[in-house]
Amino acid sequence: MIKNTIPLSLVEAKELIKDDEEKSELKAFLKKFAKLDLKDAKKLKEELENSGIIRVKAEHIAKIIDFLPEDASDINKIFIDTSLEENEINKIIEIVKKYR
């Protein structure tokens, strides 16, 4: 029975997978596409959570960590269900630039 769900970035998911032969393909896939290490991903997540942008939800943060968007069009692809103001988009881009 599932009690709750928590959105995870690829790097966070990779850390939760136990090392065994059956899951080696999955770990390799996640490693191939995860752009940050766990330490930087946690820092970025914390910074985004504390950014004061109310419309940024946990699922958005996970996708920002996975994709590391470079401009407003990339941000808008993540926030398809919500529209952000220009200053909010710029704030997210500035935060992400530190980790690219």
N, C-alpha and C. Protein backbone atom coordinates (compact mmCIF):
# COMPACT_ATOMS: atom_id res chain seq x y z
N MET A 1 0.84 -1.17 0.00
CA MET A 1 0.00 0.00 0.00
C MET A 1 0.89 1.24 0.00
N ILE A 2 0.61 2.16 -0.88
CA ILE A 2 1.35 3.40 -0.98
C ILE A 2 0.75 4.41 -0.01
N LYS A 3 1.57 4.92 0.90
CA LYS A 3 1.09 5.88 1.89
C LYS A 3 1.23 7.32 1.41
N ASN A 4 2.33 7.61 0.71
CA ASN A 4 2.52 8.94 0.14
C ASN A 4 3.54 8.87 -0.99
N THR A 5 3.58 9.89 -1.78
CA THR A 5 4.55 9.97 -2.86
C THR A 5 5.35 11.25 -2.72
N ILE A 6 6.61 11.16 -3.08
CA ILE A 6 7.51 12.30 -3.01
C ILE A 6 8.23 12.40 -4.35
N PRO A 7 8.13 13.53 -5.04
CA PRO A 7 8.86 13.68 -6.30
C PRO A 7 10.37 13.68 -6.04
N LEU A 8 11.10 12.90 -6.83
CA LEU A 8 12.55 12.81 -6.69
C LEU A 8 13.23 13.17 -8.00
N SER A 9 14.37 13.78 -7.89
CA SER A 9 15.18 14.00 -9.09
C SER A 9 15.87 12.68 -9.43
N LEU A 10 16.48 12.61 -10.60
CA LEU A 10 17.16 11.38 -11.01
C LEU A 10 18.29 11.01 -10.06
N VAL A 11 19.05 12.00 -9.63
CA VAL A 11 20.18 11.72 -8.74
C VAL A 11 19.69 11.22 -7.38
N GLU A 12 18.58 11.75 -6.89
CA GLU A 12 18.02 11.27 -5.63
C GLU A 12 17.49 9.85 -5.78
N ALA A 13 16.87 9.55 -6.90
CA ALA A 13 16.37 8.20 -7.15
C ALA A 13 17.52 7.20 -7.24
N LYS A 14 18.61 7.62 -7.88
CA LYS A 14 19.78 6.75 -8.02
C LYS A 14 20.34 6.36 -6.66
N GLU A 15 20.33 7.28 -5.72
CA GLU A 15 20.86 7.00 -4.38
C GLU A 15 19.96 6.03 -3.60
N LEU A 16 18.69 5.96 -3.93
CA LEU A 16 17.77 5.08 -3.21
C LEU A 16 17.81 3.63 -3.70
N ILE A 17 18.35 3.44 -4.89
CA ILE A 17 18.37 2.09 -5.47
C ILE A 17 19.52 1.30 -4.86
N LYS A 18 19.21 0.14 -4.34
CA LYS A 18 20.23 -0.71 -3.74
C LYS A 18 21.10 -1.31 -4.83
N ASP A 19 22.35 -1.53 -4.48
CA ASP A 19 23.28 -2.13 -5.44
C ASP A 19 23.03 -3.63 -5.52
N ASP A 20 22.59 -4.06 -6.66
CA ASP A 20 22.55 -5.48 -6.97
C ASP A 20 22.51 -5.62 -8.49
N GLU A 21 22.76 -6.81 -8.95
CA GLU A 21 22.91 -7.04 -10.38
C GLU A 21 21.63 -6.72 -11.17
N GLU A 22 20.48 -6.99 -10.60
CA GLU A 22 19.21 -6.78 -11.29
C GLU A 22 18.96 -5.31 -11.59
N LYS A 23 19.49 -4.43 -10.76
CA LYS A 23 19.21 -3.01 -10.92
C LYS A 23 20.38 -2.25 -11.52
N SER A 24 21.37 -2.94 -12.02
CA SER A 24 22.55 -2.26 -12.57
C SER A 24 22.21 -1.46 -13.82
N GLU A 25 21.30 -1.97 -14.64
CA GLU A 25 20.89 -1.24 -15.84
C GLU A 25 20.18 0.06 -15.47
N LEU A 26 19.32 -0.01 -14.48
CA LEU A 26 18.59 1.17 -14.02
C LEU A 26 19.55 2.21 -13.46
N LYS A 27 20.50 1.78 -12.65
CA LYS A 27 21.50 2.71 -12.09
C LYS A 27 22.33 3.35 -13.21
N ALA A 28 22.69 2.56 -14.21
CA ALA A 28 23.48 3.09 -15.33
C ALA A 28 22.67 4.13 -16.09
N PHE A 29 21.39 3.87 -16.29
CA PHE A 29 20.51 4.82 -16.98
C PHE A 29 20.43 6.13 -16.20
N LEU A 30 20.19 6.04 -14.90
CA LEU A 30 20.07 7.23 -14.07
C LEU A 30 21.39 8.00 -14.03
N LYS A 31 22.50 7.29 -13.96
CA LYS A 31 23.81 7.94 -13.94
C LYS A 31 24.07 8.69 -15.25
N LYS A 32 23.62 8.12 -16.34
CA LYS A 32 23.84 8.72 -17.66
C LYS A 32 23.13 10.08 -17.77
N PHE A 33 21.96 10.21 -17.19
CA PHE A 33 21.16 11.41 -17.36
C PHE A 33 21.19 12.37 -16.18
N ALA A 34 21.66 11.95 -15.04
CA ALA A 34 21.77 12.84 -13.87
C ALA A 34 22.95 13.78 -14.10
N LYS A 35 22.69 15.08 -14.04
CA LYS A 35 23.72 16.06 -14.36
C LYS A 35 24.50 16.54 -13.14
N LEU A 36 23.96 16.36 -11.96
CA LEU A 36 24.59 16.83 -10.73
C LEU A 36 24.92 15.66 -9.82
N ASP A 37 25.84 15.88 -8.90
CA ASP A 37 26.04 14.87 -7.86
C ASP A 37 25.03 15.14 -6.75
N LEU A 38 24.91 14.23 -5.82
CA LEU A 38 23.88 14.32 -4.79
C LEU A 38 24.05 15.56 -3.92
N LYS A 39 25.28 15.90 -3.59
CA LYS A 39 25.55 17.06 -2.74
C LYS A 39 25.04 18.35 -3.40
N ASP A 40 25.38 18.56 -4.67
CA ASP A 40 24.93 19.76 -5.39
C ASP A 40 23.42 19.75 -5.60
N ALA A 41 22.86 18.58 -5.86
CA ALA A 41 21.41 18.48 -6.05
C ALA A 41 20.66 18.87 -4.78
N LYS A 42 21.18 18.45 -3.63
CA LYS A 42 20.54 18.82 -2.37
C LYS A 42 20.65 20.32 -2.11
N LYS A 43 21.81 20.90 -2.43
CA LYS A 43 21.99 22.35 -2.25
C LYS A 43 21.04 23.12 -3.15
N LEU A 44 20.94 22.70 -4.41
CA LEU A 44 20.04 23.36 -5.37
C LEU A 44 18.60 23.24 -4.91
N LYS A 45 18.22 22.06 -4.45
CA LYS A 45 16.86 21.84 -3.97
C LYS A 45 16.55 22.76 -2.79
N GLU A 46 17.46 22.85 -1.86
CA GLU A 46 17.27 23.70 -0.69
C GLU A 46 17.16 25.18 -1.10
N GLU A 47 18.01 25.59 -2.02
CA GLU A 47 17.99 26.98 -2.47
C GLU A 47 16.67 27.32 -3.18
N LEU A 48 16.18 26.38 -3.99
CA LEU A 48 14.90 26.61 -4.68
C LEU A 48 13.73 26.63 -3.69
N GLU A 49 13.78 25.75 -2.70
CA GLU A 49 12.72 25.72 -1.69
C GLU A 49 12.68 27.02 -0.88
N ASN A 50 13.85 27.59 -0.65
CA ASN A 50 13.94 28.81 0.15
C ASN A 50 13.93 30.09 -0.69
N SER A 51 13.63 29.97 -1.97
CA SER A 51 13.68 31.12 -2.88
C SER A 51 12.51 32.08 -2.67
N GLY A 52 11.46 31.62 -2.03
CA GLY A 52 10.31 32.48 -1.80
C GLY A 52 9.32 32.51 -2.96
N ILE A 53 9.55 31.67 -3.96
CA ILE A 53 8.63 31.60 -5.09
C ILE A 53 7.54 30.59 -4.74
N ILE A 54 6.35 31.09 -4.49
CA ILE A 54 5.26 30.26 -3.98
C ILE A 54 4.83 29.18 -4.97
N ARG A 55 4.88 29.46 -6.24
CA ARG A 55 4.38 28.53 -7.26
C ARG A 55 5.31 27.36 -7.54
N VAL A 56 6.51 27.37 -6.98
CA VAL A 56 7.46 26.28 -7.19
C VAL A 56 7.12 25.15 -6.23
N LYS A 57 6.70 24.01 -6.80
CA LYS A 57 6.33 22.84 -6.02
C LYS A 57 7.45 21.80 -6.08
N ALA A 58 7.33 20.77 -5.28
CA ALA A 58 8.35 19.73 -5.21
C ALA A 58 8.60 19.07 -6.56
N GLU A 59 7.53 18.84 -7.32
CA GLU A 59 7.71 18.20 -8.64
C GLU A 59 8.45 19.12 -9.61
N HIS A 60 8.24 20.43 -9.48
CA HIS A 60 8.98 21.38 -10.32
C HIS A 60 10.45 21.38 -9.95
N ILE A 61 10.74 21.35 -8.67
CA ILE A 61 12.12 21.36 -8.20
C ILE A 61 12.86 20.13 -8.71
N ALA A 62 12.22 18.96 -8.66
CA ALA A 62 12.85 17.73 -9.15
C ALA A 62 13.20 17.87 -10.63
N LYS A 63 12.31 18.44 -11.42
CA LYS A 63 12.58 18.60 -12.86
C LYS A 63 13.63 19.66 -13.12
N ILE A 64 13.66 20.71 -12.32
CA ILE A 64 14.71 21.72 -12.47
C ILE A 64 16.07 21.10 -12.20
N ILE A 65 16.17 20.25 -11.19
CA ILE A 65 17.43 19.57 -10.88
C ILE A 65 17.82 18.64 -12.02
N ASP A 66 16.85 17.95 -12.60
CA ASP A 66 17.14 17.02 -13.70
C ASP A 66 17.58 17.74 -14.98
N PHE A 67 16.91 18.83 -15.33
CA PHE A 67 17.15 19.48 -16.62
C PHE A 67 18.11 20.66 -16.56
N LEU A 68 18.27 21.30 -15.40
CA LEU A 68 19.08 22.51 -15.27
C LEU A 68 18.78 23.51 -16.39
N PRO A 69 17.56 24.07 -16.39
CA PRO A 69 17.13 24.95 -17.47
C PRO A 69 18.03 26.17 -17.63
N GLU A 70 18.22 26.59 -18.89
CA GLU A 70 19.12 27.69 -19.19
C GLU A 70 18.41 29.02 -19.44
N ASP A 71 17.15 28.96 -19.87
CA ASP A 71 16.45 30.21 -20.19
C ASP A 71 14.96 30.08 -19.89
N ALA A 72 14.23 31.15 -20.18
CA ALA A 72 12.79 31.20 -19.85
C ALA A 72 12.00 30.12 -20.57
N SER A 73 12.36 29.81 -21.81
CA SER A 73 11.59 28.78 -22.53
C SER A 73 11.77 27.41 -21.89
N ASP A 74 12.97 27.13 -21.38
CA ASP A 74 13.19 25.87 -20.67
C ASP A 74 12.38 25.83 -19.38
N ILE A 75 12.34 26.94 -18.67
CA ILE A 75 11.55 27.01 -17.42
C ILE A 75 10.07 26.79 -17.72
N ASN A 76 9.57 27.41 -18.79
CA ASN A 76 8.16 27.28 -19.13
C ASN A 76 7.78 25.86 -19.51
N LYS A 77 8.73 25.08 -20.01
CA LYS A 77 8.46 23.67 -20.32
C LYS A 77 8.25 22.86 -19.04
N ILE A 78 8.87 23.28 -17.97
CA ILE A 78 8.71 22.59 -16.68
C ILE A 78 7.41 23.02 -16.00
N PHE A 79 7.10 24.31 -16.08
CA PHE A 79 5.92 24.86 -15.42
C PHE A 79 4.74 24.95 -16.39
N ILE A 80 4.34 23.82 -16.97
CA ILE A 80 3.24 23.84 -17.94
C ILE A 80 1.89 24.08 -17.28
N ASP A 81 1.77 23.73 -16.01
CA ASP A 81 0.49 23.88 -15.32
C ASP A 81 0.34 25.22 -14.62
N THR A 82 1.38 26.02 -14.64
CA THR A 82 1.39 27.29 -13.92
C THR A 82 2.21 28.30 -14.71
N SER A 83 1.85 29.55 -14.62
CA SER A 83 2.67 30.56 -15.29
C SER A 83 3.41 31.37 -14.24
N LEU A 84 4.67 31.61 -14.50
CA LEU A 84 5.50 32.37 -13.59
C LEU A 84 5.70 33.78 -14.13
N GLU A 85 5.93 34.69 -13.23
CA GLU A 85 6.24 36.05 -13.64
C GLU A 85 7.71 36.10 -14.07
N GLU A 86 8.04 37.13 -14.84
CA GLU A 86 9.40 37.24 -15.38
C GLU A 86 10.46 37.27 -14.28
N ASN A 87 10.18 37.99 -13.19
CA ASN A 87 11.17 38.07 -12.12
C ASN A 87 11.36 36.71 -11.43
N GLU A 88 10.32 35.90 -11.36
CA GLU A 88 10.42 34.55 -10.78
C GLU A 88 11.26 33.65 -11.68
N ILE A 89 11.03 33.75 -12.98
CA ILE A 89 11.81 32.96 -13.94
C ILE A 89 13.29 33.35 -13.84
N ASN A 90 13.56 34.64 -13.81
CA ASN A 90 14.94 35.11 -13.72
C ASN A 90 15.62 34.65 -12.43
N LYS A 91 14.87 34.63 -11.34
CA LYS A 91 15.40 34.17 -10.06
C LYS A 91 15.80 32.69 -10.13
N ILE A 92 14.94 31.88 -10.74
CA ILE A 92 15.23 30.45 -10.90
C ILE A 92 16.47 30.26 -11.77
N ILE A 93 16.55 31.00 -12.87
CA ILE A 93 17.70 30.88 -13.78
C ILE A 93 18.99 31.25 -13.05
N GLU A 94 18.96 32.31 -12.26
CA GLU A 94 20.15 32.73 -11.51
C GLU A 94 20.58 31.67 -10.50
N ILE A 95 19.61 31.06 -9.85
CA ILE A 95 19.94 29.99 -8.89
C ILE A 95 20.57 28.80 -9.60
N VAL A 96 19.99 28.41 -10.73
CA VAL A 96 20.47 27.24 -11.47
C VAL A 96 21.87 27.48 -12.05
N LYS A 97 22.16 28.71 -12.45
CA LYS A 97 23.47 29.02 -13.03
C LYS A 97 24.62 28.64 -12.12
N LYS A 98 24.42 28.73 -10.83
CA LYS A 98 25.47 28.40 -9.86
C LYS A 98 25.87 26.92 -9.92
N TYR A 99 24.97 26.09 -10.40
CA TYR A 99 25.18 24.64 -10.36
C TYR A 99 25.45 24.03 -11.73
N ARG A 100 25.48 24.81 -12.75
CA ARG A 100 25.70 24.29 -14.09
C ARG A 100 27.15 24.08 -14.36
